[in-house]
Every structure is written in C-alpha cells, then in structure tokens.
Full PDB file with SEQRES, HELIX, SHEET, SSBOND, CRYST1, ORIGX, SCALE, CONECT and MASTER records, all heavy atoms in Angstrom:
SEQRES   1 A   41  ASP VAL ALA ASN VAL ARG LEU VAL ARG SER THR SER ALA          
SEQRES   2 A   41  VAL ASP ARG THR ALA GLY ARG ALA LEU LEU PRO TYR ALA          
SEQRES   3 A   41  ALA TRP CYS LEU PHE ALA THR ALA LEU ASN LEU SER LEU          
SEQRES   4 A   41  ALA ARG                                                      
HELIX    1 AA1 VAL A    2  VAL A   14  1                                  13    
HELIX    2 AA2 ARG A   16  ALA A   21  1                                   6    
HELIX    3 AA3 LEU A   23  ALA A   40  1                                  18    
CRYST1    1.000    1.000    1.000  90.00  90.00  90.00 P 1           1          
ORIGX1      1.000000  0.000000  0.000000        0.00000                         
ORIGX2      0.000000  1.000000  0.000000        0.00000                         
ORIGX3      0.000000  0.000000  1.000000        0.00000                         
SCALE1      1.000000  0.000000  0.000000        0.00000                         
SCALE2      0.000000  1.000000  0.000000        0.00000                         
SCALE3      0.000000  0.000000  1.000000        0.00000                         
ATOM      1  N   ASP A   1      94.412  92.813 105.268  1.00  0.00           N  
ATOM      2  CA  ASP A   1      94.017  92.784 106.670  1.00  0.00           C  
ATOM      3  C   ASP A   1      95.114  92.182 107.544  1.00  0.00           C  
ATOM      4  O   ASP A   1      95.393  92.668 108.647  1.00  0.00           O  
ATOM      5  CB  ASP A   1      92.725  91.984 106.839  1.00  0.00           C  
ATOM      6  CG  ASP A   1      91.517  92.692 106.249  1.00  0.00           C  
ATOM      7  OD1 ASP A   1      91.526  93.940 106.205  1.00  0.00           O  
ATOM      8  OD2 ASP A   1      90.574  92.001 105.830  1.00  0.00           O  
ATOM      9  N   VAL A   2      95.729  91.110 107.057  1.00  0.00           N  
ATOM     10  CA  VAL A   2      96.831  90.496 107.798  1.00  0.00           C  
ATOM     11  C   VAL A   2      97.993  91.483 107.919  1.00  0.00           C  
ATOM     12  O   VAL A   2      98.596  91.629 108.992  1.00  0.00           O  
ATOM     13  CB  VAL A   2      97.297  89.198 107.105  1.00  0.00           C  
ATOM     14  CG1 VAL A   2      98.557  88.645 107.772  1.00  0.00           C  
ATOM     15  CG2 VAL A   2      96.186  88.151 107.128  1.00  0.00           C  
ATOM     16  N   ALA A   3      98.296  92.169 106.812  1.00  0.00           N  
ATOM     17  CA  ALA A   3      99.381  93.156 106.832  1.00  0.00           C  
ATOM     18  C   ALA A   3      99.055  94.307 107.775  1.00  0.00           C  
ATOM     19  O   ALA A   3      99.946  94.857 108.435  1.00  0.00           O  
ATOM     20  CB  ALA A   3      99.632  93.683 105.421  1.00  0.00           C  
ATOM     21  N   ASN A   4      97.773  94.673 107.869  1.00  0.00           N  
ATOM     22  CA  ASN A   4      97.377  95.756 108.766  1.00  0.00           C  
ATOM     23  C   ASN A   4      97.622  95.392 110.230  1.00  0.00           C  
ATOM     24  O   ASN A   4      98.059  96.235 111.021  1.00  0.00           O  
ATOM     25  CB  ASN A   4      95.898  96.096 108.564  1.00  0.00           C  
ATOM     26  CG  ASN A   4      95.644  96.863 107.287  1.00  0.00           C  
ATOM     27  OD1 ASN A   4      96.554  97.444 106.705  1.00  0.00           O  
ATOM     28  ND2 ASN A   4      94.405  96.863 106.835  1.00  0.00           N  
ATOM     29  N   VAL A   5      97.327  94.147 110.579  1.00  0.00           N  
ATOM     30  CA  VAL A   5      97.570  93.698 111.955  1.00  0.00           C  
ATOM     31  C   VAL A   5      99.051  93.821 112.282  1.00  0.00           C  
ATOM     32  O   VAL A   5      99.439  94.318 113.351  1.00  0.00           O  
ATOM     33  CB  VAL A   5      97.083  92.252 112.144  1.00  0.00           C  
ATOM     34  CG1 VAL A   5      97.519  91.723 113.512  1.00  0.00           C  
ATOM     35  CG2 VAL A   5      95.572  92.169 112.006  1.00  0.00           C  
ATOM     36  N   ARG A   6      99.878  93.374 111.357  1.00  0.00           N  
ATOM     37  CA  ARG A   6     101.318  93.459 111.579  1.00  0.00           C  
ATOM     38  C   ARG A   6     101.779  94.908 111.674  1.00  0.00           C  
ATOM     39  O   ARG A   6     102.612  95.249 112.525  1.00  0.00           O  
ATOM     40  CB  ARG A   6     102.051  92.754 110.438  1.00  0.00           C  
ATOM     41  CG  ARG A   6     103.568  92.800 110.570  1.00  0.00           C  
ATOM     42  CD  ARG A   6     104.232  92.147 109.387  1.00  0.00           C  
ATOM     43  NE  ARG A   6     105.688  92.253 109.474  1.00  0.00           N  
ATOM     44  CZ  ARG A   6     106.520  91.876 108.516  1.00  0.00           C  
ATOM     45  NH1 ARG A   6     106.042  91.360 107.392  1.00  0.00           N  
ATOM     46  NH2 ARG A   6     107.821  92.000 108.664  1.00  0.00           N  
ATOM     47  N   LEU A   7     101.226  95.775 110.820  1.00  0.00           N  
ATOM     48  CA  LEU A   7     101.633  97.177 110.830  1.00  0.00           C  
ATOM     49  C   LEU A   7     101.222  97.870 112.125  1.00  0.00           C  
ATOM     50  O   LEU A   7     102.001  98.636 112.707  1.00  0.00           O  
ATOM     51  CB  LEU A   7     101.026  97.903 109.629  1.00  0.00           C  
ATOM     52  CG  LEU A   7     101.345  99.396 109.495  1.00  0.00           C  
ATOM     53  CD1 LEU A   7     102.853  99.617 109.353  1.00  0.00           C  
ATOM     54  CD2 LEU A   7     100.603 100.000 108.305  1.00  0.00           C  
ATOM     55  N   VAL A   8     100.003  97.613 112.581  1.00  0.00           N  
ATOM     56  CA  VAL A   8      99.535  98.228 113.829  1.00  0.00           C  
ATOM     57  C   VAL A   8     100.398  97.760 114.996  1.00  0.00           C  
ATOM     58  O   VAL A   8     100.789  98.559 115.855  1.00  0.00           O  
ATOM     59  CB  VAL A   8      98.056  97.892 114.073  1.00  0.00           C  
ATOM     60  CG1 VAL A   8      97.631  98.335 115.473  1.00  0.00           C  
ATOM     61  CG2 VAL A   8      97.169  98.572 113.024  1.00  0.00           C  
ATOM     62  N   ARG A   9     100.702  96.485 115.035  1.00  0.00           N  
ATOM     63  CA  ARG A   9     101.517  95.958 116.130  1.00  0.00           C  
ATOM     64  C   ARG A   9     102.927  96.537 116.120  1.00  0.00           C  
ATOM     65  O   ARG A   9     103.444  96.971 117.164  1.00  0.00           O  
ATOM     66  CB  ARG A   9     101.575  94.435 116.043  1.00  0.00           C  
ATOM     67  CG  ARG A   9     100.290  93.733 116.463  1.00  0.00           C  
ATOM     68  CD  ARG A   9     100.439  92.228 116.349  1.00  0.00           C  
ATOM     69  NE  ARG A   9      99.270  91.526 116.854  1.00  0.00           N  
ATOM     70  CZ  ARG A   9      99.100  90.207 116.810  1.00  0.00           C  
ATOM     71  NH1 ARG A   9     100.067  89.446 116.292  1.00  0.00           N  
ATOM     72  NH2 ARG A   9      98.020  89.652 117.299  1.00  0.00           N  
ATOM     73  N   SER A  10     103.552  96.544 114.955  1.00  0.00           N  
ATOM     74  CA  SER A  10     104.929  97.031 114.883  1.00  0.00           C  
ATOM     75  C   SER A  10     105.000  98.529 115.143  1.00  0.00           C  
ATOM     76  O   SER A  10     105.955  99.020 115.747  1.00  0.00           O  
ATOM     77  CB  SER A  10     105.541  96.698 113.515  1.00  0.00           C  
ATOM     78  OG  SER A  10     104.782  97.256 112.455  1.00  0.00           O  
ATOM     79  N   THR A  11     103.982  99.266 114.717  1.00  0.00           N  
ATOM     80  CA  THR A  11     103.956 100.706 114.972  1.00  0.00           C  
ATOM     81  C   THR A  11     103.690 100.991 116.440  1.00  0.00           C  
ATOM     82  O   THR A  11     104.331 101.862 117.043  1.00  0.00           O  
ATOM     83  CB  THR A  11     102.884 101.393 114.103  1.00  0.00           C  
ATOM     84  OG1 THR A  11     103.126 101.099 112.720  1.00  0.00           O  
ATOM     85  CG2 THR A  11     102.911 102.902 114.298  1.00  0.00           C  
ATOM     86  N   SER A  12     102.762 100.261 117.039  1.00  0.00           N  
ATOM     87  CA  SER A  12     102.433 100.454 118.447  1.00  0.00           C  
ATOM     88  C   SER A  12     103.611 100.129 119.353  1.00  0.00           C  
ATOM     89  O   SER A  12     103.755 100.727 120.430  1.00  0.00           O  
ATOM     90  CB  SER A  12     101.227  99.591 118.834  1.00  0.00           C  
ATOM     91  OG  SER A  12     100.075  99.954 118.105  1.00  0.00           O  
ATOM     92  N   ALA A  13     104.437  99.176 118.927  1.00  0.00           N  
ATOM     93  CA  ALA A  13     105.599  98.819 119.726  1.00  0.00           C  
ATOM     94  C   ALA A  13     106.591  99.968 119.811  1.00  0.00           C  
ATOM     95  O   ALA A  13     107.373 100.068 120.769  1.00  0.00           O  
ATOM     96  CB  ALA A  13     106.283  97.586 119.131  1.00  0.00           C  
ATOM     97  N   VAL A  14     106.551 100.846 118.815  1.00  0.00           N  
ATOM     98  CA  VAL A  14     107.445 102.003 118.790  1.00  0.00           C  
ATOM     99  C   VAL A  14     106.778 103.237 119.396  1.00  0.00           C  
ATOM    100  O   VAL A  14     107.384 103.980 120.170  1.00  0.00           O  
ATOM    101  CB  VAL A  14     107.887 102.304 117.341  1.00  0.00           C  
ATOM    102  CG1 VAL A  14     108.702 103.584 117.279  1.00  0.00           C  
ATOM    103  CG2 VAL A  14     108.685 101.138 116.785  1.00  0.00           C  
ATOM    104  N   ASP A  15     105.500 103.446 119.029  1.00  0.00           N  
ATOM    105  CA  ASP A  15     104.781 104.627 119.499  1.00  0.00           C  
ATOM    106  C   ASP A  15     103.284 104.304 119.537  1.00  0.00           C  
ATOM    107  O   ASP A  15     102.674 104.056 118.491  1.00  0.00           O  
ATOM    108  CB  ASP A  15     105.045 105.814 118.576  1.00  0.00           C  
ATOM    109  CG  ASP A  15     104.436 107.100 119.084  1.00  0.00           C  
ATOM    110  OD1 ASP A  15     105.104 107.817 119.842  1.00  0.00           O  
ATOM    111  OD2 ASP A  15     103.282 107.378 118.715  1.00  0.00           O  
ATOM    112  N   ARG A  16     102.706 104.306 120.726  1.00  0.00           N  
ATOM    113  CA  ARG A  16     101.309 103.916 120.868  1.00  0.00           C  
ATOM    114  C   ARG A  16     100.369 104.902 120.190  1.00  0.00           C  
ATOM    115  O   ARG A  16      99.334 104.509 119.648  1.00  0.00           O  
ATOM    116  CB  ARG A  16     100.955 103.792 122.350  1.00  0.00           C  
ATOM    117  CG  ARG A  16     101.616 102.609 123.036  1.00  0.00           C  
ATOM    118  CD  ARG A  16     101.133 102.482 124.473  1.00  0.00           C  
ATOM    119  NE  ARG A  16     101.768 101.339 125.132  1.00  0.00           N  
ATOM    120  CZ  ARG A  16     101.532 100.993 126.394  1.00  0.00           C  
ATOM    121  NH1 ARG A  16     100.687 101.715 127.124  1.00  0.00           N  
ATOM    122  NH2 ARG A  16     102.140  99.943 126.919  1.00  0.00           N  
ATOM    123  N   THR A  17     100.693 106.166 120.199  1.00  0.00           N  
ATOM    124  CA  THR A  17      99.840 107.160 119.544  1.00  0.00           C  
ATOM    125  C   THR A  17      99.758 106.895 118.047  1.00  0.00           C  
ATOM    126  O   THR A  17      98.676 106.942 117.450  1.00  0.00           O  
ATOM    127  CB  THR A  17     100.383 108.579 119.794  1.00  0.00           C  
ATOM    128  OG1 THR A  17     100.405 108.830 121.205  1.00  0.00           O  
ATOM    129  CG2 THR A  17      99.516 109.624 119.105  1.00  0.00           C  
ATOM    130  N   ALA A  18     100.884 106.605 117.432  1.00  0.00           N  
ATOM    131  CA  ALA A  18     100.897 106.288 115.998  1.00  0.00           C  
ATOM    132  C   ALA A  18     100.133 105.005 115.735  1.00  0.00           C  
ATOM    133  O   ALA A  18      99.412 104.893 114.737  1.00  0.00           O  
ATOM    134  CB  ALA A  18     102.340 106.166 115.509  1.00  0.00           C  
ATOM    135  N   GLY A  19     100.277 104.018 116.619  1.00  0.00           N  
ATOM    136  CA  GLY A  19      99.555 102.761 116.446  1.00  0.00           C  
ATOM    137  C   GLY A  19      98.055 102.957 116.517  1.00  0.00           C  
ATOM    138  O   GLY A  19      97.308 102.387 115.702  1.00  0.00           O  
ATOM    139  N   ARG A  20      97.599 103.770 117.460  1.00  0.00           N  
ATOM    140  CA  ARG A  20      96.159 104.041 117.569  1.00  0.00           C  
ATOM    141  C   ARG A  20      95.636 104.797 116.357  1.00  0.00           C  
ATOM    142  O   ARG A  20      94.476 104.617 115.953  1.00  0.00           O  
ATOM    143  CB  ARG A  20      95.868 104.825 118.851  1.00  0.00           C  
ATOM    144  CG  ARG A  20      95.969 104.002 120.125  1.00  0.00           C  
ATOM    145  CD  ARG A  20      95.364 104.751 121.301  1.00  0.00           C  
ATOM    146  NE  ARG A  20      96.133 105.940 121.635  1.00  0.00           N  
ATOM    147  CZ  ARG A  20      97.102 105.976 122.538  1.00  0.00           C  
ATOM    148  NH1 ARG A  20      97.429 104.866 123.188  1.00  0.00           N  
ATOM    149  NH2 ARG A  20      97.740 107.104 122.803  1.00  0.00           N  
ATOM    150  N   ALA A  21      96.461 105.642 115.765  1.00  0.00           N  
ATOM    151  CA  ALA A  21      96.038 106.404 114.582  1.00  0.00           C  
ATOM    152  C   ALA A  21      95.766 105.492 113.385  1.00  0.00           C  
ATOM    153  O   ALA A  21      95.062 105.896 112.458  1.00  0.00           O  
ATOM    154  CB  ALA A  21      97.104 107.435 114.222  1.00  0.00           C  
ATOM    155  N   LEU A  22      96.315 104.291 113.409  1.00  0.00           N  
ATOM    156  CA  LEU A  22      96.116 103.345 112.311  1.00  0.00           C  
ATOM    157  C   LEU A  22      94.830 102.533 112.447  1.00  0.00           C  
ATOM    158  O   LEU A  22      94.416 101.870 111.489  1.00  0.00           O  
ATOM    159  CB  LEU A  22      97.303 102.378 112.227  1.00  0.00           C  
ATOM    160  CG  LEU A  22      98.640 102.974 111.796  1.00  0.00           C  
ATOM    161  CD1 LEU A  22      99.756 101.939 111.961  1.00  0.00           C  
ATOM    162  CD2 LEU A  22      98.575 103.459 110.350  1.00  0.00           C  
ATOM    163  N   LEU A  23      94.203 102.562 113.607  1.00  0.00           N  
ATOM    164  CA  LEU A  23      93.029 101.714 113.836  1.00  0.00           C  
ATOM    165  C   LEU A  23      91.854 102.023 112.902  1.00  0.00           C  
ATOM    166  O   LEU A  23      91.213 101.095 112.403  1.00  0.00           O  
ATOM    167  CB  LEU A  23      92.599 101.812 115.305  1.00  0.00           C  
ATOM    168  CG  LEU A  23      93.594 101.220 116.312  1.00  0.00           C  
ATOM    169  CD1 LEU A  23      93.072 101.400 117.739  1.00  0.00           C  
ATOM    170  CD2 LEU A  23      93.860  99.749 116.019  1.00  0.00           C  
ATOM    171  N   PRO A  24      91.515 103.307 112.642  1.00  0.00           N  
ATOM    172  CA  PRO A  24      90.426 103.557 111.675  1.00  0.00           C  
ATOM    173  C   PRO A  24      90.733 102.991 110.291  1.00  0.00           C  
ATOM    174  O   PRO A  24      89.832 102.479 109.611  1.00  0.00           O  
ATOM    175  CB  PRO A  24      90.325 105.086 111.659  1.00  0.00           C  
ATOM    176  CG  PRO A  24      90.864 105.515 112.980  1.00  0.00           C  
ATOM    177  CD  PRO A  24      91.979 104.558 113.271  1.00  0.00           C  
ATOM    178  N   TYR A  25      91.983 103.087 109.860  1.00  0.00           N  
ATOM    179  CA  TYR A  25      92.393 102.534 108.565  1.00  0.00           C  
ATOM    180  C   TYR A  25      92.194 101.023 108.548  1.00  0.00           C  
ATOM    181  O   TYR A  25      91.626 100.461 107.600  1.00  0.00           O  
ATOM    182  CB  TYR A  25      93.852 102.900 108.314  1.00  0.00           C  
ATOM    183  CG  TYR A  25      94.532 102.140 107.190  1.00  0.00           C  
ATOM    184  CD1 TYR A  25      94.196 102.379 105.863  1.00  0.00           C  
ATOM    185  CD2 TYR A  25      95.513 101.189 107.470  1.00  0.00           C  
ATOM    186  CE1 TYR A  25      94.829 101.682 104.835  1.00  0.00           C  
ATOM    187  CE2 TYR A  25      96.149 100.499 106.451  1.00  0.00           C  
ATOM    188  CZ  TYR A  25      95.804 100.745 105.141  1.00  0.00           C  
ATOM    189  OH  TYR A  25      96.426 100.056 104.124  1.00  0.00           O  
ATOM    190  N   ALA A  26      92.642 100.348 109.609  1.00  0.00           N  
ATOM    191  CA  ALA A  26      92.498  98.890 109.675  1.00  0.00           C  
ATOM    192  C   ALA A  26      91.025  98.490 109.723  1.00  0.00           C  
ATOM    193  O   ALA A  26      90.618  97.505 109.095  1.00  0.00           O  
ATOM    194  CB  ALA A  26      93.245  98.353 110.893  1.00  0.00           C  
ATOM    195  N   ALA A  27      90.210  99.260 110.455  1.00  0.00           N  
ATOM    196  CA  ALA A  27      88.789  98.956 110.558  1.00  0.00           C  
ATOM    197  C   ALA A  27      88.085  99.124 109.214  1.00  0.00           C  
ATOM    198  O   ALA A  27      87.239  98.301 108.828  1.00  0.00           O  
ATOM    199  CB  ALA A  27      88.138  99.852 111.613  1.00  0.00           C  
ATOM    200  N   TRP A  28      88.427 100.178 108.483  1.00  0.00           N  
ATOM    201  CA  TRP A  28      87.812 100.398 107.174  1.00  0.00           C  
ATOM    202  C   TRP A  28      88.200  99.288 106.204  1.00  0.00           C  
ATOM    203  O   TRP A  28      87.384  98.849 105.391  1.00  0.00           O  
ATOM    204  CB  TRP A  28      88.208 101.755 106.627  1.00  0.00           C  
ATOM    205  CG  TRP A  28      87.727 101.999 105.221  1.00  0.00           C  
ATOM    206  CD1 TRP A  28      88.470 101.998 104.084  1.00  0.00           C  
ATOM    207  CD2 TRP A  28      86.370 102.248 104.807  1.00  0.00           C  
ATOM    208  NE1 TRP A  28      87.685 102.238 102.983  1.00  0.00           N  
ATOM    209  CE2 TRP A  28      86.379 102.391 103.399  1.00  0.00           C  
ATOM    210  CE3 TRP A  28      85.170 102.355 105.503  1.00  0.00           C  
ATOM    211  CZ2 TRP A  28      85.221 102.640 102.685  1.00  0.00           C  
ATOM    212  CZ3 TRP A  28      84.006 102.615 104.771  1.00  0.00           C  
ATOM    213  CH2 TRP A  28      84.050 102.752 103.378  1.00  0.00           C  
ATOM    214  N   CYS A  29      89.424  98.817 106.273  1.00  0.00           N  
ATOM    215  CA  CYS A  29      89.856  97.718 105.400  1.00  0.00           C  
ATOM    216  C   CYS A  29      89.087  96.439 105.714  1.00  0.00           C  
ATOM    217  O   CYS A  29      88.774  95.660 104.808  1.00  0.00           O  
ATOM    218  CB  CYS A  29      91.362  97.488 105.535  1.00  0.00           C  
ATOM    219  SG  CYS A  29      92.369  98.788 104.800  1.00  0.00           S  
ATOM    220  N   LEU A  30      88.777  96.209 106.996  1.00  0.00           N  
ATOM    221  CA  LEU A  30      87.951  95.052 107.358  1.00  0.00           C  
ATOM    222  C   LEU A  30      86.550  95.190 106.764  1.00  0.00           C  
ATOM    223  O   LEU A  30      85.973  94.210 106.265  1.00  0.00           O  
ATOM    224  CB  LEU A  30      87.863  94.921 108.878  1.00  0.00           C  
ATOM    225  CG  LEU A  30      89.095  94.365 109.584  1.00  0.00           C  
ATOM    226  CD1 LEU A  30      88.920  94.467 111.099  1.00  0.00           C  
ATOM    227  CD2 LEU A  30      89.354  92.909 109.176  1.00  0.00           C  
ATOM    228  N   PHE A  31      86.009  96.400 106.810  1.00  0.00           N  
ATOM    229  CA  PHE A  31      84.711  96.636 106.186  1.00  0.00           C  
ATOM    230  C   PHE A  31      84.789  96.387 104.681  1.00  0.00           C  
ATOM    231  O   PHE A  31      83.882  95.790 104.092  1.00  0.00           O  
ATOM    232  CB  PHE A  31      84.258  98.066 106.459  1.00  0.00           C  
ATOM    233  CG  PHE A  31      83.006  98.454 105.707  1.00  0.00           C  
ATOM    234  CD1 PHE A  31      81.764  98.052 106.144  1.00  0.00           C  
ATOM    235  CD2 PHE A  31      83.090  99.217 104.539  1.00  0.00           C  
ATOM    236  CE1 PHE A  31      80.614  98.399 105.447  1.00  0.00           C  
ATOM    237  CE2 PHE A  31      81.955  99.560 103.831  1.00  0.00           C  
ATOM    238  CZ  PHE A  31      80.703  99.155 104.285  1.00  0.00           C  
ATOM    239  N   ALA A  32      85.881  96.846 104.056  1.00  0.00           N  
ATOM    240  CA  ALA A  32      86.061  96.634 102.613  1.00  0.00           C  
ATOM    241  C   ALA A  32      86.143  95.148 102.292  1.00  0.00           C  
ATOM    242  O   ALA A  32      85.654  94.700 101.248  1.00  0.00           O  
ATOM    243  CB  ALA A  32      87.324  97.353 102.136  1.00  0.00           C  
ATOM    244  N   THR A  33      86.750  94.369 103.169  1.00  0.00           N  
ATOM    245  CA  THR A  33      86.822  92.925 102.959  1.00  0.00           C  
ATOM    246  C   THR A  33      85.432  92.311 102.992  1.00  0.00           C  
ATOM    247  O   THR A  33      85.090  91.470 102.152  1.00  0.00           O  
ATOM    248  CB  THR A  33      87.710  92.269 104.031  1.00  0.00           C  
ATOM    249  OG1 THR A  33      89.032  92.824 103.957  1.00  0.00           O  
ATOM    250  CG2 THR A  33      87.794  90.764 103.831  1.00  0.00           C  
ATOM    251  N   ALA A  34      84.622  92.726 103.972  1.00  0.00           N  
ATOM    252  CA  ALA A  34      83.256  92.218 104.068  1.00  0.00           C  
ATOM    253  C   ALA A  34      82.446  92.602 102.829  1.00  0.00           C  
ATOM    254  O   ALA A  34      81.681  91.788 102.289  1.00  0.00           O  
ATOM    255  CB  ALA A  34      82.587  92.750 105.327  1.00  0.00           C  
ATOM    256  N   LEU A  35      82.620  93.823 102.362  1.00  0.00           N  
ATOM    257  CA  LEU A  35      81.912  94.280 101.169  1.00  0.00           C  
ATOM    258  C   LEU A  35      82.364  93.502  99.946  1.00  0.00           C  
ATOM    259  O   LEU A  35      81.547  93.071  99.123  1.00  0.00           O  
ATOM    260  CB  LEU A  35      82.160  95.770 100.966  1.00  0.00           C  
ATOM    261  CG  LEU A  35      81.553  96.411  99.714  1.00  0.00           C  
ATOM    262  CD1 LEU A  35      80.050  96.212  99.681  1.00  0.00           C  
ATOM    263  CD2 LEU A  35      81.901  97.899  99.654  1.00  0.00           C  
ATOM    264  N   ASN A  36      83.668  93.315  99.814  1.00  0.00           N  
ATOM    265  CA  ASN A  36      84.215  92.579  98.677  1.00  0.00           C  
ATOM    266  C   ASN A  36      83.707  91.139  98.668  1.00  0.00           C  
ATOM    267  O   ASN A  36      83.355  90.576  97.622  1.00  0.00           O  
ATOM    268  CB  ASN A  36      85.736  92.616  98.744  1.00  0.00           C  
ATOM    269  CG  ASN A  36      86.400  92.265  97.417  1.00  0.00           C  
ATOM    270  OD1 ASN A  36      87.514  92.681  97.135  1.00  0.00           O  
ATOM    271  ND2 ASN A  36      85.733  91.460  96.601  1.00  0.00           N  
ATOM    272  N   LEU A  37      83.664  90.517  99.855  1.00  0.00           N  
ATOM    273  CA  LEU A  37      83.178  89.143  99.957  1.00  0.00           C  
ATOM    274  C   LEU A  37      81.707  89.056  99.573  1.00  0.00           C  
ATOM    275  O   LEU A  37      81.274  88.119  98.893  1.00  0.00           O  
ATOM    276  CB  LEU A  37      83.388  88.623 101.374  1.00  0.00           C  
ATOM    277  CG  LEU A  37      82.967  87.172 101.636  1.00  0.00           C  
ATOM    278  CD1 LEU A  37      83.736  86.215 100.731  1.00  0.00           C  
ATOM    279  CD2 LEU A  37      83.200  86.806 103.099  1.00  0.00           C  
ATOM    280  N   SER A  38      80.930  90.057  99.985  1.00  0.00           N  
ATOM    281  CA  SER A  38      79.523  90.084  99.609  1.00  0.00           C  
ATOM    282  C   SER A  38      79.357  90.206  98.099  1.00  0.00           C  
ATOM    283  O   SER A  38      78.523  89.527  97.495  1.00  0.00           O  
ATOM    284  CB  SER A  38      78.824  91.257 100.308  1.00  0.00           C  
ATOM    285  OG  SER A  38      77.462  91.345  99.923  1.00  0.00           O  
ATOM    286  N   LEU A  39      80.167  91.053  97.473  1.00  0.00           N  
ATOM    287  CA  LEU A  39      80.113  91.196  96.014  1.00  0.00           C  
ATOM    288  C   LEU A  39      80.466  89.888  95.319  1.00  0.00           C  
ATOM    289  O   LEU A  39      79.848  89.510  94.315  1.00  0.00           O  
ATOM    290  CB  LEU A  39      81.059  92.304  95.563  1.00  0.00           C  
ATOM    291  CG  LEU A  39      80.634  93.739  95.877  1.00  0.00           C  
ATOM    292  CD1 LEU A  39      81.776  94.705  95.606  1.00  0.00           C  
ATOM    293  CD2 LEU A  39      79.413  94.120  95.037  1.00  0.00           C  
ATOM    294  N   ALA A  40      81.466  89.184  95.833  1.00  0.00           N  
ATOM    295  CA  ALA A  40      81.880  87.930  95.225  1.00  0.00           C  
ATOM    296  C   ALA A  40      80.774  86.878  95.327  1.00  0.00           C  
ATOM    297  O   ALA A  40      80.514  86.134  94.375  1.00  0.00           O  
ATOM    298  CB  ALA A  40      83.164  87.418  95.882  1.00  0.00           C  
ATOM    299  N   ARG A  41      80.120  86.826  96.467  1.00  0.00           N  
ATOM    300  CA  ARG A  41      79.055  85.838  96.668  1.00  0.00           C  
ATOM    301  C   ARG A  41      77.807  86.177  95.868  1.00  0.00           C  
ATOM    302  O   ARG A  41      77.112  85.273  95.391  1.00  0.00           O  
ATOM    303  CB  ARG A  41      78.717  85.742  98.144  1.00  0.00           C  
ATOM    304  CG  ARG A  41      79.801  85.049  98.967  1.00  0.00           C  
ATOM    305  CD  ARG A  41      79.453  85.048 100.440  1.00  0.00           C  
ATOM    306  NE  ARG A  41      80.379  84.223 101.210  1.00  0.00           N  
ATOM    307  CZ  ARG A  41      80.363  84.121 102.529  1.00  0.00           C  
ATOM    308  NH1 ARG A  41      79.464  84.819 103.231  1.00  0.00           N  
ATOM    309  NH2 ARG A  41      81.234  83.349 103.149  1.00  0.00           N  
TER     310      ARG A  41                                                      
MASTER        0    0    0    3    0    0    0    6  309    1    0    4          
END                                                                             
C-alpha cells in the first residue's frame, strides 16, 4: 500500500491519465489489506 501511494504520485507527476489508471489497483490492494488483516485476527 505504501509503495502504491508512491507509484501513483510519481506516475501522476509525469502523466495524470496514467496516474488515474492506477487508482483501481491501489484501491483493490487496500481492500486486500483489510481482508488479510481480518484473516489474521
């Protein structure tokens, strides 16, 4: 998730369209983190 934030920012700084295309990927990874945390608990 931390790496995704950096990737979205660095990509958006070069091309906003490419940066926006990464948002669904970053959002799904956040969901995966929540799911993983639930499994661990």
